[in-house]
Amino acid sequence: MTMKSSIVLGALVAAASATPTLRRRQYNTTKPVVTSEALQADISRENLLAGTQILEDFAYASPNRTRIIGSPGHNDTIYWLKEELEALDYYDVSLQNFFTVAMVSGQINTFVVNGVNTSADLLEYSASGTVTAPLVPVANLGCNATDYPAELAGKIALISRGSCDFGLKSVLAGNAGAAAAVIYNNAAGGFNGTLSAPPRPEGEYIASISITQELGTGYVEAITGGATINATVDVATVISNVSTYNVLATTKGGDQHNKLALGGHTDSVLAGPGINDDGSGTVGILEVAKALSKYEINNAVTFGFWAGEEEGLLGSTYYVENLPANETADIRAYLNFDMIASPNYVHAIYDGDGSAFNLTGPPGSAELESFLEDFFTSAGENFTATAFDGRSDYGPFLDVGIPSGGTFTGAEELKTEEEAEMFGGEAGVALDVCYHSACDNIDNLNLDAFELHGKAIASAVATYATSWEGFPARNTTVARRSIKPHARKASQPRHYRSKRSLPSRK
């Protein structure tokens, strides 16, 4: 071989060896490794707001302007999520089908008391019914059959909220012969609630509505004083079997045996579009999923968008119940984000170590809480604890020993004076005045809170998609328990907050 030939051949070899690198650069097939700072920088309030506007549009194009499961608004949400995630070509995306019962429409046609039209709210899963009859107060809190008097037959039961499920009160009233049930609040103002999906072993529901504490106690006082109060209750509902879906997206890359899972719910209640509850969590998680697709990761991530949360954690329960034991063991931790843009917000973190509420999660839950506390501290923000009681979509994960955590900005609870000092906003006003209401639309969102909690999601995903260093190993010997949907107690708010609010360590 001549020297000239050697030079030419060497150049060709060098060019050939360089070609793969040049091609990767040319077609941008190499990606940087994800970092917390980079992923947080990809989360913007403009994109968050745009996503929630899409969800509002789906709701407002649907009958009753809602995204309840089985509605066009919810179905549109599901398929939009699927298309957005599939377009990234970064995830294995699937729809997980399950069936349930939903109240797809419902309204109070009439609630008249002594000839006066009176404000009331429909309890979800109420039966249809029409009756004009006297109101009859029920003893105690109406949680026992003995609380319902014999003279209730054919009349309207007047029941205080508290201690047991709304559904049990409705059934017991019906079993005693009442034609309708009116449940009044045990705190100032009114409330929205659900009887929970039928069937119920104690019996069938009757027409059931809710009213304010002021109205209810006033009626009880007048009747106790000898007055007769007549009312007309006319309720029409449609309850049917529906097919719905969880949307699941798992990264194609990363260690599938050391996986982070996170999620939020896609459905609203019948009363409104559910843009904070939980359009905010849905869009926050989606934006992080979209941003993550630009990066390389070490550990796999599964994004779960759960259906049927408002009916009792149905979607997340179905997912966990149908996970093979080995895939359950692959999930190192689960993070939940349900309502992260409340207008009168607090920065609440689930109490994984049990220090505030004595409800401790599986090993690793305390580390998730500590990580999120450090995030808010580094952002110069205060934080507080919210009860780790399994009453949102992390509940089923706790039931199989998966460490869990997440953030929350508040529902119908009133902001305390201490919280107003810590977070701003207005004391004595609900954290979300539009909770489970028609006004839970994009105008109901606090964009400062939304953006910050979106960045908290990004920080957690980037950190655990990179490394589980310092995180406890999963205890895979935890027995799988049979999981039932977690019905919310009628007497209590959906989330609790600690009286021990924690200032940031500035």
Protein backbone atom coordinates (compact mmCIF):
# COMPACT_ATOMS: atom_id res chain seq x y z
CA MET A 1 0.00 0.00 0.00
CA THR A 2 1.35 3.42 -0.94
CA MET A 3 1.63 6.27 1.51
CA LYS A 4 -1.02 8.15 -0.45
CA SER A 5 -3.40 5.20 -0.23
CA SER A 6 -2.76 4.92 3.51
CA ILE A 7 -3.62 8.56 4.01
CA VAL A 8 -6.83 8.26 1.99
CA LEU A 9 -7.87 5.07 3.78
CA GLY A 10 -7.14 6.61 7.18
CA ALA A 11 -9.25 9.60 6.32
CA LEU A 12 -12.12 7.34 5.25
CA VAL A 13 -11.90 5.32 8.50
CA ALA A 14 -11.83 8.52 10.55
CA ALA A 15 -14.81 9.87 8.65
CA ALA A 16 -16.70 6.62 9.09
CA SER A 17 -16.01 6.55 12.82
CA ALA A 18 -17.19 10.14 13.13
CA THR A 19 -20.33 9.61 11.09
CA PRO A 20 -22.54 8.19 13.90
CA THR A 21 -21.77 11.14 16.18
CA LEU A 22 -22.35 13.65 13.42
CA ARG A 23 -25.60 11.94 12.47
CA ARG A 24 -26.85 11.95 16.03
CA ARG A 25 -26.13 15.64 16.27
CA GLN A 26 -27.62 16.37 12.87
CA TYR A 27 -30.90 14.61 13.65
CA ASN A 28 -30.88 15.53 17.33
CA THR A 29 -31.29 11.97 18.55
CA THR A 30 -29.07 12.50 21.57
CA LYS A 31 -30.65 14.12 24.60
CA PRO A 32 -29.18 15.68 27.71
CA VAL A 33 -29.57 13.93 31.03
CA VAL A 34 -32.48 15.36 32.98
CA THR A 35 -31.83 17.71 35.89
CA SER A 36 -34.21 19.30 38.34
CA GLU A 37 -33.27 22.80 37.23
CA ALA A 38 -33.77 22.05 33.55
CA LEU A 39 -37.11 20.30 33.98
CA GLN A 40 -38.45 23.03 36.26
CA ALA A 41 -37.46 25.65 33.68
CA ASP A 42 -39.69 23.89 31.14
CA ILE A 43 -42.82 24.46 33.26
CA SER A 44 -44.58 27.74 32.52
CA ARG A 45 -47.86 29.22 33.68
CA GLU A 46 -48.72 30.00 30.07
CA ASN A 47 -48.68 26.30 29.14
CA LEU A 48 -50.47 25.33 32.34
CA LEU A 49 -53.22 27.83 31.65
CA ALA A 50 -53.50 26.73 28.02
CA GLY A 51 -53.96 23.12 29.09
CA THR A 52 -56.67 23.93 31.58
CA GLN A 53 -58.43 26.07 28.96
CA ILE A 54 -58.67 22.97 26.78
CA LEU A 55 -60.26 21.03 29.66
CA GLU A 56 -62.73 23.84 30.27
CA ASP A 57 -63.65 23.84 26.59
CA PHE A 58 -64.30 20.08 26.78
CA ALA A 59 -66.54 20.59 29.80
CA TYR A 60 -68.47 23.53 28.36
CA ALA A 61 -69.17 21.61 25.14
CA SER A 62 -70.67 18.78 27.22
CA PRO A 63 -74.22 18.61 28.61
CA ASN A 64 -74.30 20.08 32.13
CA ARG A 65 -70.87 21.72 31.43
CA THR A 66 -69.05 18.95 33.26
CA ARG A 67 -66.33 16.33 32.93
CA ILE A 68 -67.96 13.65 35.07
CA ILE A 69 -67.12 10.09 34.01
CA GLY A 70 -69.25 8.91 31.13
CA SER A 71 -69.79 12.45 29.83
CA PRO A 72 -68.49 13.74 26.51
CA GLY A 73 -66.35 16.22 28.46
CA HIS A 74 -64.56 13.41 30.27
CA ASN A 75 -64.20 11.23 27.18
CA ASP A 76 -62.66 14.18 25.33
CA THR A 77 -60.22 14.63 28.22
CA ILE A 78 -59.12 11.00 28.02
CA TYR A 79 -58.50 10.97 24.27
CA TRP A 80 -56.76 14.35 24.34
CA LEU A 81 -54.33 13.06 26.96
CA LYS A 82 -53.70 9.91 24.96
CA GLU A 83 -52.99 11.86 21.77
CA GLU A 84 -50.72 14.37 23.52
CA LEU A 85 -48.64 11.61 25.10
CA GLU A 86 -48.47 9.40 22.00
CA ALA A 87 -47.25 12.34 19.91
CA LEU A 88 -44.10 12.51 22.05
CA ASP A 89 -42.92 9.02 20.97
CA TYR A 90 -41.25 8.72 24.36
CA TYR A 91 -43.85 6.68 26.25
CA ASP A 92 -45.70 3.42 25.97
CA VAL A 93 -49.25 4.78 26.16
CA SER A 94 -52.38 2.75 26.86
CA LEU A 95 -56.00 3.10 27.90
CA GLN A 96 -57.09 0.89 30.78
CA ASN A 97 -60.81 0.19 30.51
CA PHE A 98 -63.15 -0.40 33.45
CA PHE A 99 -66.86 -0.11 34.12
CA THR A 100 -68.79 1.65 36.84
CA VAL A 101 -72.03 3.43 37.66
CA ALA A 102 -72.30 7.20 37.19
CA MET A 103 -74.94 9.87 37.60
CA VAL A 104 -74.67 11.30 34.11
CA SER A 105 -77.26 14.01 34.67
CA GLY A 106 -79.29 15.40 37.53
CA GLN A 107 -81.09 18.47 38.73
CA ILE A 108 -83.38 19.84 41.42
CA ASN A 109 -86.53 20.90 39.61
CA THR A 110 -88.16 22.26 42.74
CA PHE A 111 -87.34 22.84 46.37
CA VAL A 112 -90.05 24.96 47.97
CA VAL A 113 -90.46 25.43 51.73
CA ASN A 114 -93.74 26.90 52.99
CA GLY A 115 -94.34 28.33 49.54
CA VAL A 116 -90.88 29.90 49.18
CA ASN A 117 -88.35 28.76 46.56
CA THR A 118 -85.27 27.77 48.55
CA SER A 119 -81.65 27.15 47.60
CA ALA A 120 -80.37 23.57 47.80
CA ASP A 121 -77.77 21.30 46.20
CA LEU A 122 -78.32 17.88 44.68
CA LEU A 123 -76.46 15.02 46.31
CA GLU A 124 -74.73 12.92 43.68
CA TYR A 125 -76.40 9.55 43.03
CA SER A 126 -79.69 10.78 44.47
CA ALA A 127 -82.71 8.87 43.22
CA SER A 128 -85.39 10.71 41.26
CA GLY A 129 -88.54 11.59 43.15
CA THR A 130 -91.27 14.14 43.76
CA VAL A 131 -93.06 14.73 47.05
CA THR A 132 -94.92 17.47 48.90
CA ALA A 133 -95.02 16.74 52.62
CA PRO A 134 -93.98 18.03 56.06
CA LEU A 135 -90.35 18.10 57.12
CA VAL A 136 -89.67 15.71 60.00
CA PRO A 137 -86.43 16.11 62.02
CA VAL A 138 -84.38 12.96 62.54
CA ALA A 139 -82.81 12.32 65.95
CA ASN A 140 -79.08 12.58 66.57
CA LEU A 141 -77.10 12.41 63.31
CA GLY A 142 -79.28 9.88 61.53
CA CYS A 143 -76.65 7.15 61.48
CA ASN A 144 -78.83 4.48 63.13
CA ALA A 145 -82.23 3.13 62.14
CA THR A 146 -83.52 4.02 65.62
CA ASP A 147 -82.93 7.72 64.85
CA TYR A 148 -85.80 7.72 62.35
CA PRO A 149 -89.28 8.16 63.90
CA ALA A 150 -92.31 6.14 62.86
CA GLU A 151 -94.19 9.26 61.74
CA LEU A 152 -91.61 9.76 58.96
CA ALA A 153 -93.52 7.51 56.51
CA GLY A 154 -94.46 9.49 53.39
CA LYS A 155 -92.76 12.63 54.69
CA ILE A 156 -89.39 14.36 54.17
CA ALA A 157 -86.53 13.48 56.52
CA LEU A 158 -84.54 16.47 57.86
CA ILE A 159 -81.10 15.16 58.84
CA SER A 160 -77.92 16.76 60.17
CA ARG A 161 -74.64 16.17 58.39
CA GLY A 162 -72.06 14.30 60.47
CA SER A 163 -70.50 11.05 61.64
CA CYS A 164 -71.55 8.70 58.79
CA ASP A 165 -71.91 8.65 55.01
CA PHE A 166 -74.57 10.68 53.25
CA GLY A 167 -75.57 7.48 51.48
CA LEU A 168 -76.33 5.68 54.73
CA LYS A 169 -78.56 8.55 55.83
CA SER A 170 -80.49 8.44 52.55
CA VAL A 171 -80.97 4.67 52.75
CA LEU A 172 -82.04 4.69 56.41
CA ALA A 173 -84.52 7.47 55.72
CA GLY A 174 -85.95 5.48 52.83
CA ASN A 175 -86.10 2.30 54.90
CA ALA A 176 -88.15 4.26 57.47
CA GLY A 177 -90.62 5.23 54.75
CA ALA A 178 -89.45 8.77 53.97
CA ALA A 179 -90.12 9.97 50.44
CA ALA A 180 -87.11 12.32 50.36
CA ALA A 181 -84.12 13.36 52.49
CA VAL A 182 -82.87 16.88 53.18
CA ILE A 183 -79.42 16.92 54.82
CA TYR A 184 -78.28 20.18 56.38
CA ASN A 185 -74.69 21.17 56.99
CA ASN A 186 -72.98 20.91 60.37
CA ALA A 187 -70.93 24.05 59.67
CA ALA A 188 -71.78 27.46 58.31
CA GLY A 189 -72.93 27.51 54.70
CA GLY A 190 -73.96 24.78 52.30
CA PHE A 191 -72.10 21.89 50.73
CA ASN A 192 -71.93 19.52 47.77
CA GLY A 193 -71.65 15.81 48.37
CA THR A 194 -72.13 12.32 47.02
CA LEU A 195 -74.13 9.36 48.25
CA SER A 196 -71.50 7.18 46.48
CA ALA A 197 -72.25 4.81 43.64
CA PRO A 198 -75.00 2.25 44.22
CA PRO A 199 -75.81 -0.48 45.04
CA ARG A 200 -75.58 -0.23 48.80
CA PRO A 201 -76.17 -3.30 51.00
CA GLU A 202 -78.44 -1.44 53.46
CA GLY A 203 -80.98 -0.55 50.76
CA GLU A 204 -81.85 1.95 48.02
CA TYR A 205 -81.40 5.70 47.93
CA ILE A 206 -84.28 8.16 47.90
CA ALA A 207 -84.39 11.69 46.47
CA SER A 208 -81.70 13.50 48.49
CA ILE A 209 -80.60 17.15 48.61
CA SER A 210 -78.44 19.32 50.85
CA ILE A 211 -79.03 22.73 52.44
CA THR A 212 -77.16 25.18 54.65
CA GLN A 213 -76.73 24.81 58.37
CA GLU A 214 -78.66 28.03 58.91
CA LEU A 215 -81.73 26.76 57.07
CA GLY A 216 -81.62 23.32 58.64
CA THR A 217 -81.24 24.38 62.23
CA GLY A 218 -83.90 27.05 61.73
CA TYR A 219 -86.38 24.44 60.49
CA VAL A 220 -85.56 22.09 63.37
CA GLU A 221 -86.05 24.87 65.93
CA ALA A 222 -89.40 25.90 64.42
CA ILE A 223 -90.69 22.33 64.23
CA THR A 224 -89.57 21.61 67.79
CA GLY A 225 -91.52 24.70 68.83
CA GLY A 226 -94.71 23.27 67.32
CA ALA A 227 -94.69 24.63 63.75
CA THR A 228 -95.47 22.54 60.70
CA ILE A 229 -93.14 23.15 57.77
CA ASN A 230 -94.26 21.79 54.42
CA ALA A 231 -91.87 21.33 51.54
CA THR A 232 -91.85 20.16 47.95
CA VAL A 233 -88.85 18.22 46.69
CA ASP A 234 -88.71 17.39 42.98
CA VAL A 235 -85.49 15.75 41.80
CA ALA A 236 -84.68 14.17 38.43
CA THR A 237 -81.50 12.13 37.88
CA VAL A 238 -80.16 9.69 35.31
CA ILE A 239 -77.87 7.00 36.70
CA SER A 240 -76.37 4.47 34.32
CA ASN A 241 -73.55 2.02 33.76
CA VAL A 242 -70.61 3.64 31.99
CA SER A 243 -67.36 2.52 30.43
CA THR A 244 -64.35 4.71 31.18
CA TYR A 245 -60.56 4.63 31.05
CA ASN A 246 -57.36 5.34 32.91
CA VAL A 247 -54.65 6.83 30.70
CA LEU A 248 -51.23 5.27 31.39
CA ALA A 249 -47.90 6.43 30.01
CA THR A 250 -44.59 4.76 30.93
CA THR A 251 -41.24 5.93 29.63
CA LYS A 252 -39.69 3.56 27.09
CA GLY A 253 -36.31 4.24 28.62
CA GLY A 254 -35.00 3.98 32.17
CA ASP A 255 -34.78 1.10 34.62
CA GLN A 256 -38.24 -0.46 34.63
CA HIS A 257 -37.52 -2.18 37.96
CA ASN A 258 -36.89 1.11 39.81
CA LYS A 259 -39.87 3.12 38.67
CA LEU A 260 -41.44 6.35 39.89
CA ALA A 261 -45.23 6.56 39.47
CA LEU A 262 -47.28 9.70 39.76
CA GLY A 263 -50.82 10.68 38.97
CA GLY A 264 -53.94 12.80 39.31
CA HIS A 265 -57.58 12.33 38.35
CA THR A 266 -59.23 13.30 35.09
CA ASP A 267 -62.90 13.44 36.13
CA SER A 268 -64.99 16.17 37.73
CA VAL A 269 -68.19 16.06 39.73
CA LEU A 270 -71.49 16.63 37.95
CA ALA A 271 -71.79 20.15 39.39
CA GLY A 272 -68.93 21.70 37.43
CA PRO A 273 -66.01 21.44 35.00
CA GLY A 274 -63.43 20.55 37.67
CA ILE A 275 -60.62 22.77 36.45
CA ASN A 276 -58.84 23.02 39.80
CA ASP A 277 -60.26 19.66 40.95
CA ASP A 278 -58.40 18.09 39.28
CA GLY A 279 -57.75 19.75 35.96
CA SER A 280 -54.83 21.46 37.66
CA GLY A 281 -53.20 18.18 38.68
CA THR A 282 -53.95 16.61 35.30
CA VAL A 283 -52.37 19.45 33.33
CA GLY A 284 -49.48 19.89 35.77
CA ILE A 285 -48.52 16.24 35.38
CA LEU A 286 -49.02 16.31 31.61
CA GLU A 287 -46.73 19.33 31.24
CA VAL A 288 -44.02 17.53 33.20
CA ALA A 289 -44.48 14.43 31.02
CA LYS A 290 -44.10 16.54 27.88
CA ALA A 291 -41.01 18.29 29.23
CA LEU A 292 -39.41 15.02 30.36
CA SER A 293 -39.50 13.70 26.79
CA LYS A 294 -36.58 16.01 25.92
CA TYR A 295 -34.22 14.24 28.33
CA GLU A 296 -32.42 11.01 29.07
CA ILE A 297 -33.32 9.27 32.35
CA ASN A 298 -31.91 6.45 34.47
CA ASN A 299 -35.15 5.26 36.08
CA ALA A 300 -38.48 4.71 34.38
CA VAL A 301 -41.48 6.93 35.15
CA THR A 302 -45.18 6.03 34.87
CA PHE A 303 -47.73 8.82 34.58
CA GLY A 304 -51.24 7.75 35.59
CA PHE A 305 -54.33 9.78 34.76
CA TRP A 306 -57.09 8.22 36.85
CA ALA A 307 -60.80 8.14 36.04
CA GLY A 308 -63.56 7.83 38.63
CA GLU A 309 -61.77 9.45 41.56
CA GLU A 310 -64.88 11.43 42.44
CA GLU A 311 -66.84 8.17 42.64
CA GLY A 312 -64.44 6.70 45.20
CA LEU A 313 -60.90 6.33 43.77
CA LEU A 314 -62.19 3.86 41.20
CA GLY A 315 -59.51 4.25 38.53
CA SER A 316 -56.47 4.18 40.78
CA THR A 317 -57.95 1.26 42.70
CA TYR A 318 -58.55 -0.66 39.49
CA TYR A 319 -54.99 0.01 38.34
CA VAL A 320 -53.37 -1.18 41.56
CA GLU A 321 -55.67 -4.18 41.93
CA ASN A 322 -54.72 -5.36 38.44
CA LEU A 323 -50.97 -4.87 38.73
CA PRO A 324 -49.06 -8.17 38.93
CA ALA A 325 -47.12 -8.48 42.17
CA ASN A 326 -43.75 -8.17 40.43
CA GLU A 327 -44.82 -4.90 38.74
CA THR A 328 -46.11 -3.57 42.05
CA ALA A 329 -42.67 -4.27 43.52
CA ASP A 330 -41.05 -2.31 40.65
CA ILE A 331 -42.72 0.95 41.79
CA ARG A 332 -40.36 2.59 44.26
CA ALA A 333 -42.76 5.46 45.09
CA TYR A 334 -46.00 7.13 44.07
CA LEU A 335 -46.74 10.88 44.05
CA ASN A 336 -50.27 12.31 43.87
CA PHE A 337 -51.33 15.80 42.78
CA ASP A 338 -54.98 16.64 43.35
CA MET A 339 -55.92 20.37 43.34
CA ILE A 340 -52.71 22.36 42.98
CA ALA A 341 -54.06 25.79 41.97
CA SER A 342 -56.59 26.74 44.66
CA PRO A 343 -57.39 30.48 44.64
CA ASN A 344 -56.94 30.99 48.40
CA TYR A 345 -54.15 28.44 48.53
CA VAL A 346 -51.89 26.86 51.08
CA HIS A 347 -48.79 24.80 50.20
CA ALA A 348 -49.77 21.51 51.82
CA ILE A 349 -47.63 18.36 51.75
CA TYR A 350 -48.90 14.90 52.65
CA ASP A 351 -47.74 13.95 56.13
CA GLY A 352 -45.66 10.91 55.19
CA ASP A 353 -43.79 10.67 58.48
CA GLY A 354 -46.96 10.93 60.57
CA SER A 355 -45.55 13.75 62.72
CA ALA A 356 -48.65 15.93 62.29
CA PHE A 357 -51.47 13.36 62.19
CA ASN A 358 -49.97 10.10 63.43
CA LEU A 359 -50.77 8.41 60.10
CA THR A 360 -47.46 7.17 58.73
CA GLY A 361 -46.97 5.89 55.19
CA PRO A 362 -44.80 2.93 54.14
CA PRO A 363 -41.02 3.42 54.37
CA GLY A 364 -40.04 6.11 51.90
CA SER A 365 -43.13 8.25 52.50
CA ALA A 366 -41.24 10.35 55.04
CA GLU A 367 -38.46 10.91 52.51
CA LEU A 368 -40.98 12.10 49.92
CA GLU A 369 -42.41 14.55 52.44
CA SER A 370 -38.94 15.80 53.34
CA PHE A 371 -38.01 16.22 49.67
CA LEU A 372 -41.08 18.39 49.04
CA GLU A 373 -40.49 20.40 52.22
CA ASP A 374 -36.98 21.13 50.99
CA PHE A 375 -38.36 22.16 47.61
CA PHE A 376 -40.69 24.78 49.11
CA THR A 377 -37.97 25.96 51.46
CA SER A 378 -35.55 26.44 48.57
CA ALA A 379 -38.27 28.41 46.76
CA GLY A 380 -38.56 30.70 49.80
CA GLU A 381 -42.09 29.50 50.57
CA ASN A 382 -43.83 28.29 53.70
CA PHE A 383 -45.54 24.92 53.84
CA THR A 384 -47.95 22.97 56.02
CA ALA A 385 -48.98 19.34 56.44
CA THR A 386 -52.11 17.65 55.17
CA ALA A 387 -53.35 14.34 56.56
CA PHE A 388 -51.96 11.22 54.99
CA ASP A 389 -55.26 9.39 55.29
CA GLY A 390 -55.66 7.68 51.90
CA ARG A 391 -58.63 9.79 50.82
CA SER A 392 -57.25 10.62 47.37
CA ASP A 393 -55.71 8.49 44.63
CA TYR A 394 -52.63 7.55 46.63
CA GLY A 395 -54.86 5.46 48.93
CA PRO A 396 -54.72 2.27 46.83
CA PHE A 397 -50.92 2.56 46.56
CA LEU A 398 -50.65 2.75 50.34
CA ASP A 399 -52.77 -0.41 50.58
CA VAL A 400 -50.05 -2.41 48.82
CA GLY A 401 -47.13 -0.87 50.70
CA ILE A 402 -45.96 1.65 48.10
CA PRO A 403 -44.50 4.81 49.69
CA SER A 404 -46.53 7.82 48.67
CA GLY A 405 -46.68 11.59 48.89
CA GLY A 406 -47.64 14.72 47.01
CA THR A 407 -48.92 18.25 47.35
CA PHE A 408 -52.30 19.94 47.68
CA THR A 409 -53.46 23.57 47.80
CA GLY A 410 -56.85 23.24 49.49
CA ALA A 411 -60.54 22.50 49.03
CA GLU A 412 -63.57 23.68 51.01
CA GLU A 413 -61.74 24.19 54.33
CA LEU A 414 -61.59 27.76 55.64
CA LYS A 415 -58.19 29.42 55.76
CA THR A 416 -57.01 30.09 59.29
CA GLU A 417 -55.47 33.34 60.52
CA GLU A 418 -52.12 31.58 60.87
CA GLU A 419 -52.32 30.32 57.29
CA ALA A 420 -53.21 33.78 56.00
CA GLU A 421 -50.03 35.08 57.65
CA MET A 422 -47.99 32.26 56.12
CA PHE A 423 -49.42 32.14 52.60
CA GLY A 424 -51.35 35.36 52.09
CA GLY A 425 -54.96 35.25 51.00
CA GLU A 426 -58.03 35.73 53.16
CA ALA A 427 -58.66 34.12 56.55
CA GLY A 428 -62.14 32.75 57.14
CA VAL A 429 -62.66 32.07 53.42
CA ALA A 430 -62.52 28.63 51.79
CA LEU A 431 -59.22 27.65 50.22
CA ASP A 432 -61.26 26.94 47.10
CA VAL A 433 -64.63 28.71 47.17
CA CYS A 434 -65.59 26.93 43.93
CA TYR A 435 -64.86 23.42 45.19
CA HIS A 436 -67.27 20.98 43.50
CA SER A 437 -69.16 23.89 41.95
CA ALA A 438 -69.94 25.32 38.53
CA CYS A 439 -67.44 28.15 39.07
CA ASP A 440 -64.46 25.75 39.20
CA ASN A 441 -63.21 27.03 35.85
CA ILE A 442 -59.97 28.67 34.70
CA ASP A 443 -60.91 31.91 36.46
CA ASN A 444 -60.78 29.92 39.70
CA LEU A 445 -57.05 29.15 39.42
CA ASN A 446 -54.21 30.84 41.28
CA LEU A 447 -51.43 30.80 38.71
CA ASP A 448 -48.67 31.49 41.23
CA ALA A 449 -49.57 28.34 43.16
CA PHE A 450 -50.16 26.41 39.93
CA GLU A 451 -46.73 27.20 38.53
CA LEU A 452 -44.92 26.53 41.80
CA HIS A 453 -46.58 23.15 42.35
CA GLY A 454 -45.97 22.29 38.70
CA LYS A 455 -42.28 22.93 39.29
CA ALA A 456 -42.45 20.79 42.45
CA ILE A 457 -43.71 17.92 40.30
CA ALA A 458 -40.89 18.53 37.82
CA SER A 459 -38.27 18.60 40.56
CA ALA A 460 -39.46 15.31 42.04
CA VAL A 461 -39.65 13.59 38.66
CA ALA A 462 -36.18 14.76 37.61
CA THR A 463 -34.65 13.73 40.94
CA TYR A 464 -36.10 10.21 41.14
CA ALA A 465 -35.80 9.56 37.41
CA THR A 466 -32.09 10.14 37.94
CA SER A 467 -31.39 8.29 41.19
CA TRP A 468 -32.96 6.63 44.23
CA GLU A 469 -29.82 7.21 46.28
CA GLY A 470 -30.71 7.58 49.96
CA PHE A 471 -34.25 6.31 49.40
CA PRO A 472 -35.31 3.19 51.35
CA ALA A 473 -35.48 -0.07 49.44
CA ARG A 474 -39.00 -1.36 48.83
CA ASN A 475 -40.27 -3.96 51.28
CA THR A 476 -41.62 -6.40 48.72
CA THR A 477 -42.85 -8.82 51.39
CA VAL A 478 -45.84 -6.56 52.15
CA ALA A 479 -48.96 -8.64 51.63
CA ARG A 480 -51.30 -7.48 48.89
CA ARG A 481 -54.62 -6.61 50.46
CA SER A 482 -57.95 -6.59 48.74
CA ILE A 483 -58.68 -2.95 47.99
CA LYS A 484 -62.09 -1.39 48.05
CA PRO A 485 -62.81 2.13 46.82
CA HIS A 486 -62.30 4.66 49.60
CA ALA A 487 -65.63 6.41 50.10
CA ARG A 488 -65.21 9.82 51.66
CA LYS A 489 -66.79 10.38 55.03
CA ALA A 490 -69.68 12.74 54.82
CA SER A 491 -68.87 14.37 58.12
CA GLN A 492 -65.37 15.48 57.17
CA PRO A 493 -63.63 17.51 54.48
CA ARG A 494 -61.83 15.63 51.78
CA HIS A 495 -58.40 16.69 53.01
CA TYR A 496 -57.17 17.70 56.41
CA ARG A 497 -54.53 20.19 57.36
CA SER A 498 -52.26 20.25 60.35
CA LYS A 499 -52.76 22.72 63.16
CA ARG A 500 -48.98 22.62 63.26
CA SER A 501 -48.14 24.73 60.20
CA LEU A 502 -44.47 24.74 59.40
CA PRO A 503 -42.58 27.91 58.46
CA SER A 504 -39.94 27.54 55.79
CA ARG A 505 -36.37 27.46 56.91
CA LYS A 506 -35.35 30.77 55.34
